[in-house]
Protein backbone atom coordinates (compact mmCIF):
# COMPACT_ATOMS: atom_id res chain seq x y z
CA MET A 1 63.28 166.76 159.50
CA LEU A 2 62.84 163.02 158.94
CA ASP A 3 60.52 161.29 161.16
CA ARG A 4 62.58 158.04 161.87
CA GLN A 5 61.26 155.08 163.76
CA PHE A 6 61.79 151.90 165.04
CA SER A 7 60.53 148.58 166.08
CA VAL A 8 58.63 147.89 169.31
CA GLU A 9 56.92 144.67 170.50
CA ILE A 10 54.89 144.60 173.96
CA ARG A 11 54.06 141.31 175.34
CA THR A 12 52.60 139.53 178.50
CA PRO A 13 52.75 135.47 179.24
CA GLU A 14 49.39 135.23 177.58
CA LYS A 15 49.70 137.38 174.35
CA LEU A 16 51.53 139.93 172.01
CA VAL A 17 49.81 143.29 173.15
CA TYR A 18 51.61 145.31 170.85
CA GLN A 19 53.83 145.35 167.64
CA GLY A 20 54.56 148.40 165.47
CA GLU A 21 56.80 151.14 164.67
CA VAL A 22 57.29 154.08 166.75
CA LYS A 23 58.68 157.46 167.29
CA SER A 24 59.42 156.92 171.04
CA ILE A 25 58.22 155.28 173.82
CA ARG A 26 58.22 156.32 177.57
CA ALA A 27 58.11 153.92 180.74
CA SER A 28 58.02 154.09 184.28
CA GLY A 29 61.65 152.30 185.43
CA THR A 30 62.77 151.43 188.73
CA ASN A 31 65.15 153.81 188.88
CA GLY A 32 62.79 156.52 187.62
CA PRO A 33 60.68 157.38 184.11
CA PHE A 34 62.82 157.55 181.04
CA GLN A 35 62.33 157.93 177.03
CA VAL A 36 63.84 156.06 174.28
CA LEU A 37 63.97 157.60 170.76
CA THR A 38 65.27 156.26 167.54
CA GLY A 39 69.23 155.46 167.78
CA HIS A 40 69.01 155.14 171.56
CA ILE A 41 72.19 152.89 173.13
CA PRO A 42 71.30 149.42 173.80
CA PHE A 43 70.46 148.53 177.41
CA LEU A 44 68.58 146.37 179.68
CA THR A 45 66.27 147.85 182.67
CA THR A 46 63.22 146.57 184.89
CA ILE A 47 59.99 148.46 184.72
CA GLU A 48 57.53 149.03 187.63
CA SER A 49 53.79 148.86 187.59
CA GLY A 50 52.96 152.45 186.06
CA GLU A 51 52.01 154.32 182.45
CA LEU A 52 54.04 153.28 179.29
CA ILE A 53 53.31 155.82 176.56
CA VAL A 54 53.48 155.12 172.91
CA GLU A 55 53.80 157.32 170.03
CA ASP A 56 53.06 156.07 167.04
CA HIS A 57 51.02 156.72 163.97
CA HIS A 58 47.84 156.45 165.62
CA GLY A 59 49.17 159.34 167.83
CA ILE A 60 50.42 159.24 171.72
CA ARG A 61 48.54 156.43 173.39
CA SER A 62 48.95 155.07 177.06
CA MET A 63 48.58 151.68 178.59
CA ALA A 64 48.78 150.66 182.34
CA THR A 65 51.45 148.16 182.91
CA SER A 66 52.90 145.84 185.63
CA ASN A 67 56.50 145.26 186.78
CA GLY A 68 58.48 144.12 183.63
CA VAL A 69 61.62 144.08 181.82
CA PHE A 70 62.55 146.92 179.22
CA GLU A 71 65.12 145.82 176.69
CA VAL A 72 66.61 148.43 173.90
CA LEU A 73 68.62 146.96 170.92
CA ARG A 74 69.95 148.32 168.35
CA ASP A 75 66.91 146.91 165.90
CA GLY A 76 64.21 147.83 168.05
CA VAL A 77 62.41 147.72 172.01
CA THR A 78 60.69 144.61 173.82
CA VAL A 79 58.76 145.07 176.50
CA LEU A 80 57.83 141.75 178.69
CA VAL A 81 55.57 142.62 181.34
CA GLU A 82 52.77 140.19 183.70
CA SER A 83 49.93 142.72 182.43
CA ALA A 84 49.33 145.39 179.99
CA GLU A 85 46.01 147.33 178.99
CA TRP A 86 45.30 150.35 177.04
CA SER A 87 43.70 153.04 178.49
CA ASP A 88 40.52 152.63 176.56
CA GLU A 89 40.45 149.01 178.06
CA ILE A 90 40.67 149.54 181.41
CA ASP A 91 37.35 148.60 183.65
CA THR A 92 37.44 151.83 186.06
CA LEU A 93 35.07 149.93 188.57
CA ARG A 94 37.18 146.73 188.62
CA ALA A 95 40.42 148.73 189.09
CA GLU A 96 38.74 150.20 191.95
CA GLU A 97 37.60 147.62 193.77
CA ALA A 98 41.07 145.85 193.28
CA LEU A 99 42.79 148.81 194.82
CA GLN A 100 40.08 148.46 197.89
CA HIS A 101 40.96 144.84 198.27
CA ALA A 102 44.72 145.29 198.43
CA ARG A 103 44.60 148.04 200.71
CA GLU A 104 41.98 145.90 202.90
CA GLN A 105 44.89 142.89 202.89
CA LEU A 106 47.66 145.26 203.80
CA LYS A 107 45.71 146.59 206.61
CA SER A 108 44.66 143.26 207.99
CA GLN A 109 48.37 141.92 208.69
CA LEU A 110 47.13 138.20 208.65
CA PRO A 111 50.18 136.01 209.18
CA SER A 112 49.52 134.05 206.21
CA MET A 113 49.51 136.84 203.69
CA ASP A 114 51.66 137.37 201.02
CA TYR A 115 53.16 141.17 201.42
CA ILE A 116 54.88 141.57 198.70
CA LEU A 117 51.86 140.39 196.13
CA ALA A 118 49.59 142.60 197.94
CA GLU A 119 51.77 145.33 197.46
CA LEU A 120 52.33 144.45 193.76
CA ALA A 121 48.50 144.40 193.24
CA LEU A 122 48.12 147.80 195.04
CA ALA A 123 50.91 149.61 192.94
CA ARG A 124 48.98 147.88 189.57
CA ALA A 125 45.51 149.15 190.59
CA VAL A 126 46.86 152.20 190.97
CA ALA A 127 48.58 152.21 187.62
CA ARG A 128 45.54 151.41 186.21
CA LEU A 129 43.38 154.12 187.73
CA LYS A 130 45.91 156.71 186.89
CA VAL A 131 46.40 155.72 183.42
CA ALA A 132 42.38 155.28 183.15
CA LYS A 133 42.00 158.49 184.59
CA SER A 134 44.27 160.43 182.46
CA SER A 135 42.82 159.37 179.04
CA ARG A 136 39.44 160.63 179.75
């Protein structure tokens, strides 16, 4: 069977995180997890903080991403997220500290606290820890 591939770009506001040909890509969509293979119909969706899994010539690799947009076109996939880290780049100690800080913020219920930002920080920390621990 012929191994067909398609182009993928993963970007944050700061940089191009990944660009290459893949066999598949999986993400945590707002409406649930999904996978894209060659020839998938075009669509646009939002993704939530979670694990993004890329299968390319390096094998199967995962990264933690924050919320963002995932677009499938006939010529490839573009993923735009606030943050993205390959599993081997994640500092687990820093992620655990961020998780604890986000939990403390949510418990404090201070009037000046932005609950949405605190919840996003919590989700990002949970995703980073999950991806880091699953790759070890």
